[in-house]
Amino acid sequence: MALPLSLLTILVVFTYGPVPSLGCDLPPNHMVASKKTFVLLAQMRTLSPSFCLEDRKDFRFPEEVVDVSQHHKAQAISVLQEIVQQISNLFHTEGASAAWNVTLLNQLQNALHRQTENLENCLVQAMGEEESVLAIEGPLLAVKRYFYGLRLYLKEKIYSDCAWEVVRGEIRRIFSSSTDLQETLRRKNGDLISS
């Protein structure tokens, strides 16, 4: 499955550029954890994607949840936090420890945990400034449904190596989409500050 040009651009920017601020005070370790997560997801690859062609599936990530033009700041931050938390939950399942190098898996889990904490703190700041919890529920439900589909797929495939490889690739793609949301938020915050 070929990634759209915008996602490939995000991958390059994310890998070599700084992780943008969301308009709240993210600690410097958030940038380090984000970069480390992306690199670890790449390092965890155990099989060639061509080996698992029969297992590929279009999970239909709800792209609208990373379209910041549809969200306010707190809503976008809550979506980012939920994506990172769901990725963390997925890699904390029983089958994950059997499928991956334990050292890389532990490093990934630690990086995701730091990011989740940072985004939770950021969300608290943003929620103090704007909007109700009700405005946030719809996108969060879409993210939860998407990750439920990933967990169901793994279960149906009996947590096979190919199933995990397909999910790892999907998570890496989704993680890069979430950085697009962060970049857009950073730009929006910069526009608000300069106006």
C-alpha atoms as a PDB file:
ATOM      1  CA  MET A   1       0.000   0.000   0.000  1.00  0.00           C
ATOM      2  CA  ALA A   2       1.590   3.262  -1.117  1.00  0.00           C
ATOM      3  CA  LEU A   3       1.403   6.214   1.223  1.00  0.00           C
ATOM      4  CA  PRO A   4       0.032   9.472  -0.154  1.00  0.00           C
ATOM      5  CA  LEU A   5       2.644  12.146  -0.878  1.00  0.00           C
ATOM      6  CA  SER A   6       1.451  14.238   2.081  1.00  0.00           C
ATOM      7  CA  LEU A   7       2.122  11.362   4.478  1.00  0.00           C
ATOM      8  CA  LEU A   8       5.553  10.768   2.980  1.00  0.00           C
ATOM      9  CA  THR A   9       6.324  14.455   3.436  1.00  0.00           C
ATOM     10  CA  ILE A  10       5.192  14.213   7.051  1.00  0.00           C
ATOM     11  CA  LEU A  11       7.459  11.234   7.580  1.00  0.00           C
ATOM     12  CA  VAL A  12      10.466  13.213   6.379  1.00  0.00           C
ATOM     13  CA  VAL A  13       9.542  16.327   8.374  1.00  0.00           C
ATOM     14  CA  PHE A  14       8.777  14.272  11.453  1.00  0.00           C
ATOM     15  CA  THR A  15      11.963  12.278  11.276  1.00  0.00           C
ATOM     16  CA  TYR A  16      14.287  15.231  10.720  1.00  0.00           C
ATOM     17  CA  GLY A  17      12.383  18.231  12.011  1.00  0.00           C
ATOM     18  CA  PRO A  18      11.321  19.315  15.477  1.00  0.00           C
ATOM     19  CA  VAL A  19       8.075  18.117  16.993  1.00  0.00           C
ATOM     20  CA  PRO A  20       5.850  21.166  17.049  1.00  0.00           C
ATOM     21  CA  SER A  21       4.215  22.703  20.075  1.00  0.00           C
ATOM     22  CA  LEU A  22       0.479  22.417  20.504  1.00  0.00           C
ATOM     23  CA  GLY A  23       0.089  25.813  22.105  1.00  0.00           C
ATOM     24  CA  CYS A  24       0.828  24.481  25.549  1.00  0.00           C
ATOM     25  CA  ASP A  25       4.095  23.793  27.285  1.00  0.00           C
ATOM     26  CA  LEU A  26       5.261  20.369  26.166  1.00  0.00           C
ATOM     27  CA  PRO A  27       8.535  19.408  27.803  1.00  0.00           C
ATOM     28  CA  PRO A  28      11.629  18.815  25.633  1.00  0.00           C
ATOM     29  CA  ASN A  29      11.354  15.067  26.274  1.00  0.00           C
ATOM     30  CA  HIS A  30       8.107  15.022  24.263  1.00  0.00           C
ATOM     31  CA  MET A  31      10.050  15.723  21.089  1.00  0.00           C
ATOM     32  CA  VAL A  32      12.579  13.034  21.970  1.00  0.00           C
ATOM     33  CA  ALA A  33       9.820  10.508  22.767  1.00  0.00           C
ATOM     34  CA  SER A  34       7.968  11.255  19.515  1.00  0.00           C
ATOM     35  CA  LYS A  35      11.081  10.781  17.401  1.00  0.00           C
ATOM     36  CA  LYS A  36      12.011   7.667  19.319  1.00  0.00           C
ATOM     37  CA  THR A  37       8.527   6.198  18.828  1.00  0.00           C
ATOM     38  CA  PHE A  38       8.683   6.663  15.090  1.00  0.00           C
ATOM     39  CA  VAL A  39      12.173   5.170  14.851  1.00  0.00           C
ATOM     40  CA  LEU A  40      11.274   2.247  17.130  1.00  0.00           C
ATOM     41  CA  LEU A  41       8.222   1.424  15.038  1.00  0.00           C
ATOM     42  CA  ALA A  42      10.524   1.185  12.014  1.00  0.00           C
ATOM     43  CA  GLN A  43      13.131  -0.892  13.880  1.00  0.00           C
ATOM     44  CA  MET A  44      10.493  -3.351  15.080  1.00  0.00           C
ATOM     45  CA  ARG A  45       9.840  -4.597  11.551  1.00  0.00           C
ATOM     46  CA  THR A  46      10.474  -8.336  11.564  1.00  0.00           C
ATOM     47  CA  LEU A  47       9.044  -9.376   8.202  1.00  0.00           C
ATOM     48  CA  SER A  48       9.128  -7.959   4.729  1.00  0.00           C
ATOM     49  CA  PRO A  49       5.745  -6.411   3.862  1.00  0.00           C
ATOM     50  CA  SER A  50       5.772  -8.457   0.654  1.00  0.00           C
ATOM     51  CA  PHE A  51       5.768 -11.628   2.761  1.00  0.00           C
ATOM     52  CA  CYS A  52       2.419 -10.633   4.300  1.00  0.00           C
ATOM     53  CA  LEU A  53       0.495  -9.452   1.222  1.00  0.00           C
ATOM     54  CA  GLU A  54      -2.381 -11.860   1.860  1.00  0.00           C
ATOM     55  CA  ASP A  55      -2.837 -10.450   5.357  1.00  0.00           C
ATOM     56  CA  ARG A  56      -3.048  -6.802   4.320  1.00  0.00           C
ATOM     57  CA  LYS A  57      -6.240  -4.976   5.115  1.00  0.00           C
ATOM     58  CA  ASP A  58      -7.604  -1.469   4.728  1.00  0.00           C
ATOM     59  CA  PHE A  59      -8.508  -0.519   8.285  1.00  0.00           C
ATOM     60  CA  ARG A  60     -10.074   2.766   7.131  1.00  0.00           C
ATOM     61  CA  PHE A  61      -8.578   5.178   9.605  1.00  0.00           C
ATOM     62  CA  PRO A  62     -11.083   8.015  10.152  1.00  0.00           C
ATOM     63  CA  GLU A  63      -9.000  10.743   8.489  1.00  0.00           C
ATOM     64  CA  GLU A  64     -11.444  13.420   9.638  1.00  0.00           C
ATOM     65  CA  VAL A  65     -10.159  13.018  13.202  1.00  0.00           C
ATOM     66  CA  VAL A  66      -6.757  14.387  12.145  1.00  0.00           C
ATOM     67  CA  ASP A  67      -8.259  17.206  10.063  1.00  0.00           C
ATOM     68  CA  VAL A  68      -7.602  20.131  12.376  1.00  0.00           C
ATOM     69  CA  SER A  69      -9.827  22.444  10.327  1.00  0.00           C
ATOM     70  CA  GLN A  70     -12.760  20.579  11.872  1.00  0.00           C
ATOM     71  CA  HIS A  71     -11.488  20.832  15.460  1.00  0.00           C
ATOM     72  CA  HIS A  72     -10.748  23.314  18.180  1.00  0.00           C
ATOM     73  CA  LYS A  73      -7.434  23.074  20.001  1.00  0.00           C
ATOM     74  CA  ALA A  74      -8.668  20.979  22.961  1.00  0.00           C
ATOM     75  CA  GLN A  75     -10.498  18.603  20.635  1.00  0.00           C
ATOM     76  CA  ALA A  76      -7.410  18.109  18.455  1.00  0.00           C
ATOM     77  CA  ILE A  77      -5.167  17.565  21.484  1.00  0.00           C
ATOM     78  CA  SER A  78      -7.623  15.032  22.913  1.00  0.00           C
ATOM     79  CA  VAL A  79      -7.590  13.143  19.592  1.00  0.00           C
ATOM     80  CA  LEU A  80      -3.772  13.099  19.602  1.00  0.00           C
ATOM     81  CA  GLN A  81      -3.699  11.911  23.186  1.00  0.00           C
ATOM     82  CA  GLU A  82      -6.236   9.172  22.426  1.00  0.00           C
ATOM     83  CA  ILE A  83      -4.269   7.962  19.386  1.00  0.00           C
ATOM     84  CA  VAL A  84      -1.057   7.693  21.414  1.00  0.00           C
ATOM     85  CA  GLN A  85      -2.899   6.012  24.320  1.00  0.00           C
ATOM     86  CA  GLN A  86      -4.562   3.486  21.999  1.00  0.00           C
ATOM     87  CA  ILE A  87      -1.210   2.688  20.347  1.00  0.00           C
ATOM     88  CA  SER A  88       0.237   2.149  23.808  1.00  0.00           C
ATOM     89  CA  ASN A  89      -2.671  -0.117  24.798  1.00  0.00           C
ATOM     90  CA  LEU A  90      -2.249  -2.168  21.630  1.00  0.00           C
ATOM     91  CA  PHE A  91       1.430  -2.795  22.314  1.00  0.00           C
ATOM     92  CA  HIS A  92       0.672  -3.747  25.926  1.00  0.00           C
ATOM     93  CA  THR A  93      -1.483  -6.734  24.932  1.00  0.00           C
ATOM     94  CA  GLU A  94      -0.419 -10.311  25.651  1.00  0.00           C
ATOM     95  CA  GLY A  95       0.348 -11.084  22.022  1.00  0.00           C
ATOM     96  CA  ALA A  96       2.670  -8.091  21.663  1.00  0.00           C
ATOM     97  CA  SER A  97       5.381  -9.477  23.915  1.00  0.00           C
ATOM     98  CA  ALA A  98       5.477 -12.706  21.891  1.00  0.00           C
ATOM     99  CA  ALA A  99       5.653 -10.904  18.538  1.00  0.00           C
ATOM    100  CA  TRP A 100       8.325  -8.293  19.145  1.00  0.00           C
ATOM    101  CA  ASN A 101      11.849  -7.920  20.449  1.00  0.00           C
ATOM    102  CA  VAL A 102      11.272  -7.316  24.162  1.00  0.00           C
ATOM    103  CA  THR A 103      13.895  -4.566  24.432  1.00  0.00           C
ATOM    104  CA  LEU A 104      12.421  -2.588  21.516  1.00  0.00           C
ATOM    105  CA  LEU A 105       8.886  -3.188  22.814  1.00  0.00           C
ATOM    106  CA  ASN A 106       9.800  -1.855  26.275  1.00  0.00           C
ATOM    107  CA  GLN A 107      11.457   1.200  24.738  1.00  0.00           C
ATOM    108  CA  LEU A 108       8.369   1.825  22.597  1.00  0.00           C
ATOM    109  CA  GLN A 109       6.044   1.466  25.576  1.00  0.00           C
ATOM    110  CA  ASN A 110       8.151   3.919  27.615  1.00  0.00           C
ATOM    111  CA  ALA A 111       8.226   6.492  24.795  1.00  0.00           C
ATOM    112  CA  LEU A 112       4.465   6.199  24.296  1.00  0.00           C
ATOM    113  CA  HIS A 113       3.873   6.550  28.038  1.00  0.00           C
ATOM    114  CA  ARG A 114       5.887   9.806  28.159  1.00  0.00           C
ATOM    115  CA  GLN A 115       3.987  11.180  25.168  1.00  0.00           C
ATOM    116  CA  THR A 116       0.624  10.252  26.716  1.00  0.00           C
ATOM    117  CA  GLU A 117       1.509  12.043  29.945  1.00  0.00           C
ATOM    118  CA  ASN A 118       2.705  15.142  28.084  1.00  0.00           C
ATOM    119  CA  LEU A 119      -0.445  15.296  25.959  1.00  0.00           C
ATOM    120  CA  GLU A 120      -2.680  14.758  29.006  1.00  0.00           C
ATOM    121  CA  ASN A 121      -1.057  17.770  30.677  1.00  0.00           C
ATOM    122  CA  CYS A 122      -1.461  19.755  27.477  1.00  0.00           C
ATOM    123  CA  LEU A 123      -5.128  18.753  27.257  1.00  0.00           C
ATOM    124  CA  VAL A 124      -5.767  19.959  30.810  1.00  0.00           C
ATOM    125  CA  GLN A 125      -4.368  23.373  29.821  1.00  0.00           C
ATOM    126  CA  ALA A 126      -6.439  23.506  26.640  1.00  0.00           C
ATOM    127  CA  MET A 127      -9.640  22.328  28.334  1.00  0.00           C
ATOM    128  CA  GLY A 128      -9.275  25.157  30.820  1.00  0.00           C
ATOM    129  CA  GLU A 129      -9.357  27.573  27.893  1.00  0.00           C
ATOM    130  CA  GLU A 130     -12.177  26.203  25.766  1.00  0.00           C
ATOM    131  CA  GLU A 131     -14.956  23.778  24.922  1.00  0.00           C
ATOM    132  CA  SER A 132     -16.933  21.109  26.639  1.00  0.00           C
ATOM    133  CA  VAL A 133     -16.263  17.411  26.869  1.00  0.00           C
ATOM    134  CA  LEU A 134     -19.289  16.764  24.633  1.00  0.00           C
ATOM    135  CA  ALA A 135     -17.574  18.348  21.624  1.00  0.00           C
ATOM    136  CA  ILE A 136     -14.671  15.940  22.057  1.00  0.00           C
ATOM    137  CA  GLU A 137     -16.618  12.663  22.335  1.00  0.00           C
ATOM    138  CA  GLY A 138     -17.392  12.110  18.613  1.00  0.00           C
ATOM    139  CA  PRO A 139     -13.797  12.087  17.316  1.00  0.00           C
ATOM    140  CA  LEU A 140     -12.628  10.069  20.319  1.00  0.00           C
ATOM    141  CA  LEU A 141     -15.283   7.440  19.654  1.00  0.00           C
ATOM    142  CA  ALA A 142     -14.110   7.192  16.021  1.00  0.00           C
ATOM    143  CA  VAL A 143     -10.502   6.651  17.184  1.00  0.00           C
ATOM    144  CA  LYS A 144     -11.601   4.006  19.711  1.00  0.00           C
ATOM    145  CA  ARG A 145     -13.635   2.173  17.043  1.00  0.00           C
ATOM    146  CA  TYR A 146     -10.660   2.194  14.696  1.00  0.00           C
ATOM    147  CA  PHE A 147      -8.325   0.694  17.295  1.00  0.00           C
ATOM    148  CA  TYR A 148     -10.987  -1.843  18.280  1.00  0.00           C
ATOM    149  CA  GLY A 149     -10.896  -2.957  14.630  1.00  0.00           C
ATOM    150  CA  LEU A 150      -7.117  -3.409  14.861  1.00  0.00           C
ATOM    151  CA  ARG A 151      -7.459  -5.510  18.014  1.00  0.00           C
ATOM    152  CA  LEU A 152     -10.233  -7.575  16.428  1.00  0.00           C
ATOM    153  CA  TYR A 153      -8.082  -8.156  13.324  1.00  0.00           C
ATOM    154  CA  LEU A 154      -5.190  -9.398  15.483  1.00  0.00           C
ATOM    155  CA  LYS A 155      -7.519 -11.724  17.360  1.00  0.00           C
ATOM    156  CA  GLU A 156      -9.035 -13.094  14.128  1.00  0.00           C
ATOM    157  CA  LYS A 157      -5.523 -13.728  12.766  1.00  0.00           C
ATOM    158  CA  ILE A 158      -4.572 -15.402  16.058  1.00  0.00           C
ATOM    159  CA  TYR A 159      -1.886 -12.782  16.658  1.00  0.00           C
ATOM    160  CA  SER A 160       0.229 -14.144  13.802  1.00  0.00           C
ATOM    161  CA  ASP A 161       3.551 -12.551  12.926  1.00  0.00           C
ATOM    162  CA  CYS A 162       2.080 -11.247   9.661  1.00  0.00           C
ATOM    163  CA  ALA A 163      -0.937  -9.782  11.451  1.00  0.00           C
ATOM    164  CA  TRP A 164       1.347  -7.939  13.862  1.00  0.00           C
ATOM    165  CA  GLU A 165       3.500  -6.746  10.965  1.00  0.00           C
ATOM    166  CA  VAL A 166       0.428  -5.388   9.148  1.00  0.00           C
ATOM    167  CA  VAL A 167      -0.716  -3.626  12.336  1.00  0.00           C
ATOM    168  CA  ARG A 168       2.787  -2.236  13.008  1.00  0.00           C
ATOM    169  CA  GLY A 169       2.850  -0.729   9.527  1.00  0.00           C
ATOM    170  CA  GLU A 170      -0.624   0.713  10.014  1.00  0.00           C
ATOM    171  CA  ILE A 171       0.338   2.206  13.395  1.00  0.00           C
ATOM    172  CA  ARG A 172       3.417   3.787  11.869  1.00  0.00           C
ATOM    173  CA  ARG A 173       1.246   5.354   9.153  1.00  0.00           C
ATOM    174  CA  ILE A 174      -1.287   6.615  11.711  1.00  0.00           C
ATOM    175  CA  PHE A 175       1.469   7.949  13.942  1.00  0.00           C
ATOM    176  CA  SER A 176       2.757   9.996  11.028  1.00  0.00           C
ATOM    177  CA  SER A 177      -0.788  11.315  10.393  1.00  0.00           C
ATOM    178  CA  SER A 178      -0.987  12.473  13.985  1.00  0.00           C
ATOM    179  CA  THR A 179       2.180  14.526  13.484  1.00  0.00           C
ATOM    180  CA  ASP A 180       0.401  16.314  10.631  1.00  0.00           C
ATOM    181  CA  LEU A 181      -2.290  17.293  13.119  1.00  0.00           C
ATOM    182  CA  GLN A 182       0.392  18.560  15.525  1.00  0.00           C
ATOM    183  CA  GLU A 183       2.049  20.602  12.751  1.00  0.00           C
ATOM    184  CA  THR A 184      -1.253  22.157  11.727  1.00  0.00           C
ATOM    185  CA  LEU A 185      -2.031  23.031  15.344  1.00  0.00           C
ATOM    186  CA  ARG A 186       1.404  24.605  15.735  1.00  0.00           C
ATOM    187  CA  ARG A 187       0.829  26.734  12.649  1.00  0.00           C
ATOM    188  CA  LYS A 188      -2.630  27.750  13.842  1.00  0.00           C
ATOM    189  CA  ASN A 189      -1.225  28.739  17.226  1.00  0.00           C
ATOM    190  CA  GLY A 190       1.514  30.767  15.537  1.00  0.00           C
ATOM    191  CA  ASP A 191      -1.116  32.596  13.463  1.00  0.00           C
ATOM    192  CA  LEU A 192      -3.114  33.347  16.605  1.00  0.00           C
ATOM    193  CA  ILE A 193      -0.044  34.669  18.392  1.00  0.00           C
ATOM    194  CA  SER A 194       1.040  36.905  15.500  1.00  0.00           C
ATOM    195  CA  SER A 195      -2.411  38.389  14.904  1.00  0.00           C
END
